[in-house]
Amino acid sequence: MKEKFEEHYKTIGRNVKKLRNAQKLTQLELANKCSVNREQISRIENARRDYMHSTLLEVCEALGVSVFEIMKLQ
């Protein structure tokens, strides 16, 4: 059975990676800006569902975008 919000996690992951790359940041550099570890950034970008929402909020803040922007960018 597919996760109800699977496409949302994929969209978020794609957009975090797109924005991170646009800012020429490595996963580690972004993680350091958010005070999280690189593995947490990787989990978000790979649409794993085992990250805390507070981590996503920190990532958005570090990238200078809102959660709404992360969910709608294509």
C-alpha atoms as a PDB file:
ATOM      1  CA  MET A   1       0.000   0.000   0.000  1.00  0.00           C
ATOM      2  CA  LYS A   2       1.390   3.379  -0.997  1.00  0.00           C
ATOM      3  CA  GLU A   3       1.986   6.123   1.498  1.00  0.00           C
ATOM      4  CA  LYS A   4      -0.848   8.663   1.318  1.00  0.00           C
ATOM      5  CA  PHE A   5       1.497  11.620   0.992  1.00  0.00           C
ATOM      6  CA  GLU A   6       4.271   9.969  -1.021  1.00  0.00           C
ATOM      7  CA  GLU A   7       4.114  12.514  -3.850  1.00  0.00           C
ATOM      8  CA  HIS A   8       4.401  15.385  -1.364  1.00  0.00           C
ATOM      9  CA  TYR A   9       7.578  13.899   0.110  1.00  0.00           C
ATOM     10  CA  LYS A  10       8.995  13.448  -3.397  1.00  0.00           C
ATOM     11  CA  THR A  11       8.161  17.050  -4.329  1.00  0.00           C
ATOM     12  CA  ILE A  12       9.743  18.371  -1.140  1.00  0.00           C
ATOM     13  CA  GLY A  13      12.872  16.279  -1.710  1.00  0.00           C
ATOM     14  CA  ARG A  14      13.223  17.346  -5.336  1.00  0.00           C
ATOM     15  CA  ASN A  15      12.773  20.991  -4.438  1.00  0.00           C
ATOM     16  CA  VAL A  16      15.201  20.990  -1.515  1.00  0.00           C
ATOM     17  CA  LYS A  17      17.838  19.449  -3.766  1.00  0.00           C
ATOM     18  CA  LYS A  18      17.069  21.898  -6.592  1.00  0.00           C
ATOM     19  CA  LEU A  19      17.344  24.915  -4.283  1.00  0.00           C
ATOM     20  CA  ARG A  20      20.457  23.553  -2.564  1.00  0.00           C
ATOM     21  CA  ASN A  21      22.163  23.038  -5.920  1.00  0.00           C
ATOM     22  CA  ALA A  22      21.083  26.479  -7.139  1.00  0.00           C
ATOM     23  CA  GLN A  23      22.833  27.964  -4.113  1.00  0.00           C
ATOM     24  CA  LYS A  24      25.876  25.772  -4.817  1.00  0.00           C
ATOM     25  CA  LEU A  25      25.666  24.108  -1.404  1.00  0.00           C
ATOM     26  CA  THR A  26      26.674  20.555  -0.618  1.00  0.00           C
ATOM     27  CA  GLN A  27      24.428  18.491   1.611  1.00  0.00           C
ATOM     28  CA  LEU A  28      26.965  18.985   4.393  1.00  0.00           C
ATOM     29  CA  GLU A  29      27.049  22.768   3.950  1.00  0.00           C
ATOM     30  CA  LEU A  30      23.262  22.947   4.076  1.00  0.00           C
ATOM     31  CA  ALA A  31      23.191  20.654   7.098  1.00  0.00           C
ATOM     32  CA  ASN A  32      25.660  22.914   8.909  1.00  0.00           C
ATOM     33  CA  LYS A  33      23.500  25.963   8.156  1.00  0.00           C
ATOM     34  CA  CYS A  34      20.549  24.110   9.710  1.00  0.00           C
ATOM     35  CA  SER A  35      22.405  22.601  12.670  1.00  0.00           C
ATOM     36  CA  VAL A  36      21.466  19.087  11.538  1.00  0.00           C
ATOM     37  CA  ASN A  37      23.583  16.312  10.074  1.00  0.00           C
ATOM     38  CA  ARG A  38      24.107  15.512   6.397  1.00  0.00           C
ATOM     39  CA  GLU A  39      22.108  12.292   6.689  1.00  0.00           C
ATOM     40  CA  GLN A  40      19.003  14.289   7.617  1.00  0.00           C
ATOM     41  CA  ILE A  41      19.363  16.373   4.459  1.00  0.00           C
ATOM     42  CA  SER A  42      19.808  13.190   2.451  1.00  0.00           C
ATOM     43  CA  ARG A  43      16.644  11.697   3.948  1.00  0.00           C
ATOM     44  CA  ILE A  44      14.639  14.750   2.935  1.00  0.00           C
ATOM     45  CA  GLU A  45      16.070  14.817  -0.602  1.00  0.00           C
ATOM     46  CA  ASN A  46      15.446  11.094  -1.065  1.00  0.00           C
ATOM     47  CA  ALA A  47      11.818  11.335   0.098  1.00  0.00           C
ATOM     48  CA  ARG A  48      12.333   9.214   3.192  1.00  0.00           C
ATOM     49  CA  ARG A  49       9.641   9.846   5.701  1.00  0.00           C
ATOM     50  CA  ASP A  50      11.709   9.573   8.866  1.00  0.00           C
ATOM     51  CA  TYR A  51      12.690  13.202   9.387  1.00  0.00           C
ATOM     52  CA  MET A  52      11.202  15.670  11.811  1.00  0.00           C
ATOM     53  CA  HIS A  53       9.094  18.516  10.495  1.00  0.00           C
ATOM     54  CA  SER A  54      11.178  20.904  12.574  1.00  0.00           C
ATOM     55  CA  THR A  55      14.183  19.825  10.460  1.00  0.00           C
ATOM     56  CA  LEU A  56      12.286  20.729   7.293  1.00  0.00           C
ATOM     57  CA  LEU A  57      11.468  24.136   8.771  1.00  0.00           C
ATOM     58  CA  GLU A  58      15.160  24.730   9.498  1.00  0.00           C
ATOM     59  CA  VAL A  59      16.075  23.696   5.942  1.00  0.00           C
ATOM     60  CA  CYS A  60      13.516  26.117   4.511  1.00  0.00           C
ATOM     61  CA  GLU A  61      14.877  28.918   6.662  1.00  0.00           C
ATOM     62  CA  ALA A  62      18.466  28.151   5.613  1.00  0.00           C
ATOM     63  CA  LEU A  63      17.451  28.160   1.930  1.00  0.00           C
ATOM     64  CA  GLY A  64      15.427  31.352   2.358  1.00  0.00           C
ATOM     65  CA  VAL A  65      12.096  29.867   1.265  1.00  0.00           C
ATOM     66  CA  SER A  66       8.800  29.023   2.917  1.00  0.00           C
ATOM     67  CA  VAL A  67       7.414  25.525   3.403  1.00  0.00           C
ATOM     68  CA  PHE A  68       4.725  26.429   0.871  1.00  0.00           C
ATOM     69  CA  GLU A  69       7.372  27.252  -1.732  1.00  0.00           C
ATOM     70  CA  ILE A  70       9.160  23.949  -1.101  1.00  0.00           C
ATOM     71  CA  MET A  71       5.934  22.078  -1.733  1.00  0.00           C
ATOM     72  CA  LYS A  72       4.960  23.863  -4.951  1.00  0.00           C
ATOM     73  CA  LEU A  73       8.213  24.354  -6.853  1.00  0.00           C
ATOM     74  CA  GLN A  74       8.664  22.060  -9.812  1.00  0.00           C
END
